[in-house]
Protein backbone atom coordinates (compact mmCIF):
# COMPACT_ATOMS: atom_id res chain seq x y z
CA MET A 1 9.00 12.93 -12.97
CA ARG A 2 7.41 15.43 -10.60
CA ARG A 3 3.84 15.86 -12.72
CA THR A 4 1.44 18.12 -11.91
CA THR A 5 -2.54 17.05 -12.76
CA PRO A 6 -4.63 19.50 -14.74
CA LEU A 7 -6.10 16.22 -17.28
CA LEU A 8 -7.26 14.21 -14.10
CA THR A 9 -9.01 17.75 -13.01
CA SER A 10 -10.89 17.57 -16.69
CA ALA A 11 -11.37 13.47 -16.50
CA LEU A 12 -13.16 13.96 -12.89
CA LEU A 13 -15.25 16.90 -14.26
CA ALA A 14 -16.28 14.12 -16.76
CA VAL A 15 -17.40 11.98 -14.50
CA GLY A 16 -19.28 13.88 -12.40
CA ALA A 17 -21.17 14.81 -15.76
CA LEU A 18 -21.64 11.25 -16.47
CA THR A 19 -22.51 10.00 -12.97
CA GLY A 20 -25.08 13.15 -11.62
CA ALA A 21 -21.98 13.16 -8.15
CA THR A 22 -19.78 11.50 -7.93
CA LEU A 23 -0.29 0.58 11.36
CA CYS A 24 3.78 -0.44 7.93
CA ALA A 25 3.50 -2.72 9.86
CA PRO A 26 5.33 -6.25 8.59
CA ALA A 27 3.31 -6.96 5.86
CA ALA A 28 0.55 -10.37 6.94
CA THR A 29 1.25 -13.82 5.80
CA ALA A 30 0.70 -16.82 6.51
CA THR A 31 3.50 -18.56 9.21
CA ASP A 32 6.42 -19.10 7.04
CA PRO A 33 7.08 -22.43 5.36
CA ALA A 34 8.34 -24.87 7.70
CA PRO A 35 11.62 -27.01 6.10
CA GLY A 36 10.10 -29.46 3.93
CA SER A 37 6.62 -27.50 3.65
CA GLY A 38 7.81 -27.33 -0.90
CA LEU A 39 7.36 -23.79 -0.12
CA ARG A 40 10.42 -21.19 -1.34
CA ASP A 41 9.96 -17.34 0.49
CA VAL A 42 10.07 -15.04 -2.12
CA MET A 43 9.29 -11.33 -1.69
CA PHE A 44 7.50 -10.56 -5.37
CA VAL A 45 7.95 -6.37 -7.01
CA GLY A 46 4.51 -5.60 -8.90
CA ASN A 47 6.08 -3.31 -11.70
CA ASN A 48 2.92 -1.22 -11.80
CA TRP A 49 3.43 0.84 -15.36
CA ALA A 50 4.57 -2.14 -16.67
CA GLY A 51 2.36 -4.79 -15.42
CA THR A 52 4.23 -6.61 -14.69
CA ALA A 53 6.33 -8.73 -11.02
CA THR A 54 9.76 -9.58 -10.44
CA ILE A 55 10.08 -12.26 -8.33
CA VAL A 56 13.60 -12.50 -5.83
CA ASP A 57 14.38 -14.97 -3.74
CA ALA A 58 13.96 -13.23 0.03
CA ARG A 59 16.58 -14.89 1.59
CA SER A 60 20.02 -15.32 -1.34
CA LEU A 61 18.12 -11.98 -3.13
CA LYS A 62 18.86 -12.96 -6.31
CA VAL A 63 16.08 -12.81 -8.99
CA LEU A 64 14.46 -15.84 -10.19
CA ARG A 65 11.92 -14.15 -12.07
CA THR A 66 11.17 -11.19 -14.40
CA GLY A 67 8.69 -9.96 -16.55
CA VAL A 68 6.01 -11.90 -15.70
CA ASN A 69 3.06 -10.95 -16.60
CA LEU A 70 0.14 -9.65 -14.69
CA VAL A 71 -2.05 -8.27 -17.15
CA PRO A 72 -2.30 -11.23 -19.61
CA ASP A 73 -6.18 -10.34 -20.09
CA LYS A 74 -5.67 -6.39 -21.48
CA GLN A 75 -6.88 -6.03 -24.13
CA GLN A 76 -9.87 -7.27 -23.24
CA GLU A 77 -10.49 -5.18 -20.51
CA LEU A 78 -10.11 -2.40 -22.15
CA THR A 79 -12.31 -3.58 -25.12
CA ASP A 80 -14.77 -3.86 -21.87
CA ILE A 81 -13.88 -0.23 -20.16
CA MET A 82 -14.28 1.31 -24.30
CA LEU A 83 -17.69 0.20 -24.10
CA SER A 84 -18.88 1.70 -20.47
CA PRO A 85 -19.04 5.97 -20.74
CA VAL A 86 -18.15 5.76 -16.48
CA ARG A 87 -15.76 3.36 -16.65
CA LEU A 88 -13.61 5.00 -19.60
CA ALA A 89 -14.05 8.68 -17.31
CA TYR A 90 -12.28 6.85 -14.03
CA TYR A 91 -9.98 4.73 -16.64
CA LEU A 92 -8.33 8.62 -17.99
CA ALA A 93 -8.58 10.01 -14.24
CA ILE A 94 -6.61 7.17 -12.88
CA GLN A 95 -4.55 7.83 -15.69
CA GLN A 96 -3.67 10.89 -15.81
CA GLY A 97 -3.65 11.30 -12.06
CA PRO A 98 -2.61 8.59 -9.86
CA GLY A 99 -0.79 7.29 -12.78
CA GLU A 100 0.87 10.51 -13.18
CA GLY A 101 -0.12 9.67 -17.17
CA HIS A 102 0.48 6.04 -16.87
CA ASP A 103 -2.16 2.91 -16.87
CA GLN A 104 -1.81 1.50 -13.54
CA TYR A 105 -2.13 -2.09 -14.29
CA VAL A 106 -0.35 -3.41 -10.93
CA ASP A 107 -1.07 -2.19 -7.57
CA ASP A 108 -0.18 -4.97 -4.78
CA MET A 109 -0.17 -8.57 -4.33
CA PHE A 110 -0.14 -11.59 -2.10
CA THR A 111 0.08 -15.16 -2.57
CA THR A 112 -1.99 -17.90 -1.02
CA PRO A 113 -1.35 -20.44 1.77
CA ASP A 114 -0.19 -23.07 -0.94
CA GLY A 115 2.11 -20.89 -3.09
CA ARG A 116 -0.11 -21.38 -6.34
CA TYR A 117 -1.75 -18.12 -7.17
CA LEU A 118 -0.78 -14.72 -6.48
CA ALA A 119 -3.86 -12.16 -5.76
CA VAL A 120 -3.59 -8.91 -7.47
CA SER A 121 -5.19 -5.75 -7.20
CA ARG A 122 -5.74 -4.14 -10.33
CA PRO A 123 -5.95 -0.03 -10.15
CA SER A 124 -7.10 0.75 -14.11
CA PHE A 125 -9.17 -1.90 -14.70
CA ALA A 126 -10.92 -1.86 -10.75
CA ASP A 127 -10.21 -5.30 -9.82
CA VAL A 128 -8.75 -8.19 -7.92
CA ALA A 129 -7.23 -11.22 -10.33
CA TRP A 130 -6.19 -14.41 -8.65
CA ILE A 131 -3.60 -15.70 -10.98
CA ASP A 132 -1.81 -18.79 -11.41
CA VAL A 133 2.08 -18.09 -11.05
CA ALA A 134 3.35 -21.07 -12.85
CA LYS A 135 1.46 -19.95 -15.62
CA ALA A 136 1.76 -16.75 -15.47
CA ALA A 137 5.89 -17.26 -14.94
CA ALA A 138 5.81 -19.58 -18.28
CA GLY A 139 3.71 -16.87 -20.19
CA ARG A 140 0.69 -18.22 -20.60
CA SER A 141 -2.32 -16.25 -20.94
CA ASP A 142 -5.15 -18.06 -19.49
CA SER A 143 -3.10 -17.81 -16.15
CA VAL A 144 -6.16 -15.69 -14.71
CA VAL A 145 -7.93 -18.08 -12.55
CA ARG A 146 -10.39 -15.99 -10.83
CA GLU A 147 -12.05 -12.52 -11.17
CA GLN A 148 -13.44 -9.57 -9.24
CA GLN A 149 -14.71 -6.26 -10.01
CA MET A 150 -14.81 -3.28 -7.55
CA ASP A 151 -17.97 -1.92 -6.74
CA GLY A 152 -16.05 1.40 -7.44
CA TYR A 153 -13.90 2.14 -10.41
CA ARG A 154 -10.31 1.25 -8.97
CA ALA A 155 -8.25 -1.13 -6.72
CA ASP A 156 -5.72 0.17 -4.71
CA HIS A 157 -3.67 -1.12 -1.35
CA MET A 158 -4.51 -5.07 0.00
CA ALA A 159 -3.88 -6.72 2.98
CA LEU A 160 -3.49 -10.63 3.54
CA SER A 161 -4.66 -12.02 7.27
CA PRO A 162 -1.89 -13.36 9.77
CA ASP A 163 -3.53 -17.63 8.94
CA GLY A 164 -3.59 -16.21 4.86
CA ARG A 165 -7.38 -17.13 4.75
CA ARG A 166 -8.36 -13.46 4.00
CA LEU A 167 -8.03 -10.67 1.89
CA LEU A 168 -8.74 -6.95 1.98
CA VAL A 169 -8.64 -4.53 -0.99
CA SER A 170 -9.21 -0.92 -0.82
CA ASP A 171 -11.75 -0.41 -2.98
CA SER A 172 -10.94 3.86 -3.73
CA THR A 173 -13.71 5.54 -5.40
CA ALA A 174 -16.89 3.51 -3.61
CA ASN A 175 -15.29 4.36 0.39
CA GLN A 176 -15.57 0.94 1.64
CA VAL A 177 -12.60 -2.69 1.77
CA ILE A 178 -13.75 -5.66 1.07
CA GLU A 179 -13.18 -8.74 1.97
CA TYR A 180 -12.57 -11.98 -0.27
CA SER A 181 -11.76 -15.44 0.30
CA MET A 182 -7.54 -16.61 -0.59
CA VAL A 183 -8.71 -20.45 0.35
CA ASP A 184 -11.48 -23.03 -0.66
CA GLU A 185 -13.20 -24.46 2.94
CA VAL A 186 -16.21 -25.14 4.16
CA VAL A 187 -17.83 -22.75 6.93
CA GLY A 188 -20.58 -23.40 9.30
CA GLY A 189 -21.86 -25.47 6.83
CA ARG A 190 -21.22 -22.95 3.69
CA GLN A 191 -18.51 -23.37 1.00
CA ILE A 192 -16.29 -20.59 0.68
CA ARG A 193 -13.68 -20.87 -2.48
CA MET A 194 -10.64 -18.98 -3.24
CA GLY A 195 -11.96 -15.35 -4.41
CA ASP A 196 -15.20 -15.17 -3.31
CA ARG A 197 -16.70 -12.02 -1.87
CA LEU A 198 -17.40 -12.02 2.17
CA ARG A 199 -17.99 -8.82 4.12
CA THR A 200 -16.77 -4.61 3.96
CA PHE A 201 -16.45 -2.51 6.62
CA VAL A 202 -16.82 1.85 5.79
CA SER A 203 -14.19 4.00 4.98
CA GLY A 204 -13.32 7.55 4.48
CA GLU A 205 -12.58 9.05 0.88
CA THR A 206 -10.24 7.04 -1.18
CA PRO A 207 -9.39 4.34 1.31
CA HIS A 208 -6.12 3.47 1.43
CA GLU A 209 -4.04 1.47 3.97
CA SER A 210 -5.14 -2.52 5.76
CA ASN A 211 -3.14 -4.01 8.24
CA TYR A 212 -3.92 -6.64 10.97
CA SER A 213 -2.72 -7.39 13.93
CA PRO A 214 -0.66 -10.25 14.27
CA ASP A 215 -3.64 -12.57 15.79
CA GLY A 216 -5.95 -11.01 13.06
CA SER A 217 -8.41 -9.54 16.10
CA ARG A 218 -8.02 -6.22 14.85
CA ILE A 219 -7.60 -4.26 11.49
CA TYR A 220 -5.84 -1.19 11.25
CA HIS A 221 -7.03 1.16 8.39
CA ALA A 222 -6.78 4.49 6.79
CA SER A 223 -8.06 7.15 3.77
CA ILE A 224 -5.81 9.68 2.43
CA GLY A 225 -8.53 11.74 0.74
CA LYS A 226 -8.71 13.47 -2.66
CA VAL A 227 -4.68 13.23 -3.20
CA TYR A 228 -5.50 13.90 -7.27
CA THR A 229 -7.36 17.02 -6.51
CA PRO A 230 -5.08 20.37 -7.78
CA GLY A 231 -6.44 22.67 -4.55
CA ASP A 232 -2.89 21.55 -2.19
CA ASP A 233 -3.37 25.11 -0.53
CA PRO A 234 -3.47 24.12 2.97
CA ALA A 235 -6.74 26.79 3.03
CA LEU A 236 -8.90 23.66 0.83
CA ASP A 237 -7.99 20.96 2.78
CA ALA A 238 -11.33 20.16 3.16
CA LEU A 239 -11.88 19.25 -0.40
CA LYS A 240 -9.94 16.58 0.13
CA GLY A 241 -13.10 15.04 2.30
CA ASP A 242 -12.98 12.80 5.14
CA ARG A 243 -10.21 10.94 6.42
CA TRP A 244 -9.40 8.64 9.08
CA PHE A 245 -7.91 6.63 11.24
CA GLU A 246 -10.03 3.51 12.59
CA ILE A 247 -9.51 0.48 14.26
CA VAL A 248 -11.48 -2.73 12.51
CA ASP A 249 -13.11 -5.61 14.58
CA ASN A 250 -12.19 -8.53 12.99
CA SER A 251 -14.91 -10.53 14.24
CA ASP A 252 -18.25 -8.48 12.95
CA PHE A 253 -16.33 -5.47 11.33
CA SER A 254 -17.65 -2.56 13.33
CA ILE A 255 -15.34 0.28 13.91
CA THR A 256 -13.95 0.39 16.88
CA ARG A 257 -12.44 4.10 17.18
CA ARG A 258 -11.71 6.48 15.00
CA TRP A 259 -9.30 9.93 14.60
CA ASP A 260 -9.57 12.85 12.26
CA MET A 261 -5.45 12.99 12.28
CA GLY A 262 -5.25 16.24 10.84
CA LYS A 263 -7.21 17.69 13.87
CA GLU A 264 -5.19 15.15 16.55
CA LEU A 265 -2.38 17.26 15.44
CA ALA A 266 -3.09 20.31 15.63
CA GLU A 267 -5.14 19.23 19.52
CA ALA A 268 -1.24 18.51 19.61
CA GLY A 269 0.48 21.56 18.52
CA TYR A 270 0.56 21.73 14.72
CA PRO A 271 -2.15 23.14 13.14
CA GLY A 272 -2.25 22.67 9.83
CA MET A 273 -0.65 19.39 8.75
CA SER A 274 -3.04 16.90 6.74
CA ALA A 275 -5.20 14.67 8.20
CA ALA A 276 -4.24 12.21 5.19
CA VAL A 277 -2.52 9.07 7.01
CA ARG A 278 -0.42 7.69 4.17
CA PRO A 279 1.81 4.70 5.10
CA MET A 280 2.15 3.73 8.50
CA ALA A 281 4.44 1.25 11.02
CA ILE A 282 2.46 -0.61 14.24
CA ALA A 283 5.42 -1.22 17.13
CA PRO A 284 5.14 -4.62 18.03
CA ASP A 285 3.45 -3.59 20.99
CA GLN A 286 0.52 -2.62 19.46
CA ARG A 287 0.22 0.24 21.13
CA PHE A 288 1.93 3.11 19.02
CA LEU A 289 1.21 4.18 15.96
CA TYR A 290 3.50 5.49 13.36
CA PHE A 291 2.36 6.95 9.95
CA GLN A 292 3.59 10.08 7.36
CA VAL A 293 0.87 12.09 5.76
CA SER A 294 0.55 13.60 2.92
CA PHE A 295 2.91 17.05 2.34
CA PHE A 296 5.37 16.36 5.73
CA HIS A 297 8.97 15.20 5.20
CA GLY A 298 9.24 12.93 7.86
CA TYR A 299 6.03 10.73 9.89
CA VAL A 300 4.20 11.14 13.26
CA GLU A 301 3.81 9.42 16.36
CA PHE A 302 0.52 8.48 17.59
CA ASP A 303 0.15 6.39 21.00
CA THR A 304 -3.09 4.71 20.75
CA GLN A 305 -3.81 4.62 24.32
CA ALA A 306 -2.56 7.77 25.33
CA PRO A 307 -5.60 10.32 27.30
CA ASP A 308 -7.00 12.25 24.96
CA LEU A 309 -5.21 15.47 25.22
CA ASP A 310 -7.58 17.98 25.93
CA GLY A 311 -10.32 15.45 27.87
CA ALA A 312 -12.63 16.74 25.75
CA VAL A 313 -14.72 15.32 22.74
CA THR A 314 -14.22 18.00 19.86
CA TYR A 315 -15.12 16.56 17.06
CA THR A 316 -16.82 13.39 14.89
CA ALA A 317 -15.53 11.93 12.29
CA GLY A 318 -18.04 10.22 10.32
CA GLY A 319 -20.69 10.02 12.83
CA ILE A 320 -18.77 8.67 15.78
CA PRO A 321 -17.41 10.81 18.52
CA GLU A 322 -13.34 11.14 19.10
CA PRO A 323 -12.33 8.96 21.13
CA ARG A 324 -10.98 9.23 24.20
CA THR A 325 -7.65 8.00 24.11
CA GLY A 326 -5.51 8.72 21.58
CA ALA A 327 -3.15 11.33 21.23
CA VAL A 328 0.13 12.64 19.15
CA THR A 329 3.19 12.49 21.36
CA ARG A 330 5.95 13.11 18.58
CA VAL A 331 6.23 14.85 15.70
CA VAL A 332 9.87 13.84 13.45
CA SER A 333 10.88 15.74 10.88
CA LEU A 334 13.39 14.40 8.36
CA PRO A 335 15.47 16.51 5.37
CA ASN A 336 13.33 18.42 2.98
CA ARG A 337 14.68 18.35 -0.32
CA VAL A 338 12.72 20.39 -2.70
CA PRO A 339 11.72 22.85 0.31
CA ASP A 340 10.87 25.28 -3.21
CA LEU A 341 8.51 23.08 -5.01
CA PRO A 342 5.08 23.22 -5.12
CA ARG A 343 2.50 21.21 -3.41
CA GLU A 344 0.91 20.71 -6.29
CA GLN A 345 4.22 19.14 -8.22
CA TYR A 346 3.95 16.53 -5.54
CA VAL A 347 2.98 12.67 -6.24
CA ASN A 348 -0.58 12.61 -5.30
CA ASP A 349 0.57 14.42 -2.30
CA SER A 350 2.92 12.45 -1.29
CA ALA A 351 6.09 13.79 0.29
CA HIS A 352 7.38 10.77 1.45
CA HIS A 353 5.58 7.34 1.18
CA GLY A 354 6.40 4.65 2.63
CA LEU A 355 7.15 2.73 6.19
CA SER A 356 7.60 0.47 7.93
CA MET A 357 9.76 -1.24 11.61
CA ASP A 358 12.17 -4.02 12.07
CA ASP A 359 11.59 -7.13 14.38
CA ALA A 360 12.36 -5.39 17.58
CA GLY A 361 10.64 -2.52 17.44
CA THR A 362 14.02 -0.45 17.14
CA THR A 363 14.29 0.96 13.55
CA LEU A 364 11.89 2.16 11.37
CA CYS A 365 12.70 2.66 7.32
CA ALA A 366 11.19 5.75 5.37
CA ALA A 367 10.95 6.43 1.56
CA GLY A 368 11.46 9.14 0.82
CA THR A 369 10.14 10.00 -2.46
CA MET A 370 9.61 13.35 -2.70
CA ASP A 371 13.50 13.68 -1.77
CA ASP A 372 15.02 10.53 -3.81
CA TYR A 373 16.09 8.54 -0.83
CA ALA A 374 15.83 6.33 1.67
CA ALA A 375 16.30 6.53 6.11
CA LEU A 376 17.07 4.54 8.46
CA ILE A 377 15.85 6.28 11.96
CA ASP A 378 15.89 4.95 15.42
CA ARG A 379 12.84 5.00 16.81
CA ALA A 380 13.60 6.20 20.26
CA THR A 381 15.99 9.04 19.21
CA GLY A 382 14.96 10.41 15.71
CA SER A 383 18.28 9.59 14.51
CA TYR A 384 18.58 8.47 10.62
CA GLN A 385 20.79 7.77 7.81
CA ILE A 386 20.37 8.35 4.75
CA PHE A 387 20.91 5.92 1.73
CA ASP A 388 20.97 7.65 -1.58
CA THR A 389 22.47 7.70 -4.89
CA ALA A 390 25.39 9.38 -3.09
CA SER A 391 26.11 7.49 -0.35
CA THR A 392 25.40 4.57 -2.14
CA GLY A 393 26.21 5.05 -5.89
CA HIS A 394 23.11 3.67 -6.88
CA PRO A 395 19.97 6.10 -8.59
CA TYR A 396 17.66 5.98 -5.69
CA LEU A 397 14.80 8.43 -7.29
CA LYS A 398 11.19 8.41 -6.04
CA PRO A 399 11.09 6.04 -3.32
CA TYR A 400 7.53 4.75 -2.86
CA TRP A 401 7.59 1.64 -0.81
CA THR A 402 9.00 0.01 1.91
CA THR A 403 8.68 -3.47 3.41
CA LYS A 404 9.95 -5.47 6.36
CA GLY A 405 11.42 -9.05 4.45
CA LEU A 406 13.33 -11.96 5.87
CA GLY A 407 16.52 -12.03 7.67
CA ASN A 408 15.68 -7.72 9.18
CA THR A 409 16.26 -7.01 6.43
CA CYS A 410 14.21 -4.23 4.46
CA TRP A 411 12.85 -3.95 1.03
CA ILE A 412 12.65 -0.22 -0.65
CA SER A 413 10.60 -0.12 -4.34
CA LEU A 414 12.97 2.94 -5.94
CA SER A 415 9.48 3.72 -9.14
CA GLY A 416 12.02 6.16 -10.78
CA SER A 417 15.55 3.95 -10.76
CA ASP A 418 13.03 0.90 -11.92
CA SER A 419 15.10 -1.21 -8.89
CA VAL A 420 14.43 -2.62 -5.21
CA ALA A 421 17.38 -1.98 -2.58
CA VAL A 422 17.09 -4.57 0.35
CA LEU A 423 18.46 -2.48 3.72
CA ASP A 424 20.16 -4.39 6.80
CA PHE A 425 18.74 -2.81 9.84
CA ARG A 426 20.80 -4.34 11.52
CA THR A 427 23.83 -3.45 10.05
CA HIS A 428 22.41 -0.34 8.21
CA LYS A 429 24.15 -1.17 5.15
CA GLU A 430 23.03 -1.63 1.46
CA LEU A 431 22.51 -5.45 0.91
CA ALA A 432 21.49 -5.54 -3.14
CA PHE A 433 20.37 -3.11 -5.17
CA LEU A 434 18.28 -5.03 -8.24
CA PRO A 435 17.09 -4.02 -11.10
CA VAL A 436 13.02 -4.99 -11.73
CA GLY A 437 10.84 -3.54 -14.29
CA ASP A 438 8.94 0.14 -14.88
CA HIS A 439 8.03 2.20 -11.91
CA PRO A 440 8.48 -0.41 -9.26
CA GLN A 441 5.31 0.21 -6.27
CA ARG A 442 4.83 -2.92 -3.64
CA VAL A 443 6.68 -5.21 -2.37
CA ARG A 444 5.41 -8.31 -1.00
CA LEU A 445 6.96 -11.58 0.94
CA GLY A 446 5.18 -14.61 -0.28
CA GLU A 447 5.54 -18.38 -1.49
CA VAL A 448 5.93 -20.03 -4.17
CA PRO A 449 6.39 -24.15 -4.67
CA ASP A 450 9.66 -24.94 -5.28
CA ALA A 451 8.54 -27.67 -7.82
CA VAL A 452 7.65 -24.07 -9.93
CA VAL A 453 11.45 -22.31 -8.95
CA ALA A 454 12.46 -25.76 -9.71
CA SER A 455 10.70 -25.56 -13.85
CA TRP A 456 12.24 -21.65 -14.04
CA THR A 457 15.77 -22.88 -13.25
CA ALA A 458 15.63 -26.08 -15.79
CA THR A 459 14.38 -23.72 -18.62
CA SER A 460 16.44 -20.62 -17.86
């Protein structure tokens, strides 16, 4: 399960030769369906290595469908990759690095407002595809209805606007985030169709997670740098590239504030910590940000409105001066169960990878990736309860993401156990443990038409 990345280094060198260079808030979804809307609340589990989805009823916690193929066009995609030396080099680099020796077929996914289509980012194919849910669940090969290639060579995290109309996709190797339409509509006399590319904003090295504010006016975005390089000693940190946390004005995609969190941590008395903001959770008041950083077993609390600690502009990030507000207020450690593990064996530099918060903003849910546990954490005190194999009787291997679900639940993908666990934020109980597919990664709340779900029941 723990892998080093020597093959990735060779692949990246090949890419260089070919090219000549080379806040988690609850997943934003459209408003919950009203009674009688004809839509079923579901959780989509993306099985990254299998290229499939498992669909779970978000309320009853029952598996509705599994093995739903999200790469029906795999052979054509692989053929296209083999015909392009540059794409092939990146494909192999992704396979041997982020994929830990596996193809990465499914990273993130969100449903359209009508529940008919699922937008899926597919890292190894460097694209986002819109898939007809009913056709895919029926095993049909013609389920892809729209596809868009990244400008770069890998697709990653996505975010859905609160109204469900817009989709953000991290274009990993192009240092940007691309916006697409999730609906057919007319805007300012212009016909826009589902899947149309609209706008972009600039990110640091390897753009990662984005989250919308509840009103959709702001986007919180972070980049994680070159997590696939073997230079993991703190002295080589600069080789990871520019890593920024930034707030984007959604009206015009301008960057309103941008921080280098490594420098902010050093300013707060924590030198030598990574600047790579991993999964994040944003408090309901939109003031406090909680985030994980590479190699750290725990999380950081950041007050976006607090005065800068030294009152001076001590750095610029991509030409933008350090904001005069924003400060690290706490660094909270969680149990490190692998204290002797070399940094080079951390999966994509992740000590912990997965963070979400309950509705009230009182409890955090963290995925202890390298520690094989999940934790529910009191936001005020930092006290925690561990969920692992010993405490639950279920294998909690390599937790890789957490998402807030309906009913104040936390859903955790257990990528090393090919399962998901569902925890109750209020009672601190495990509500369900569900086998899914190979290497579950992202888990997202969505909707599917009741009529489609009924067809699954009829044919099962």
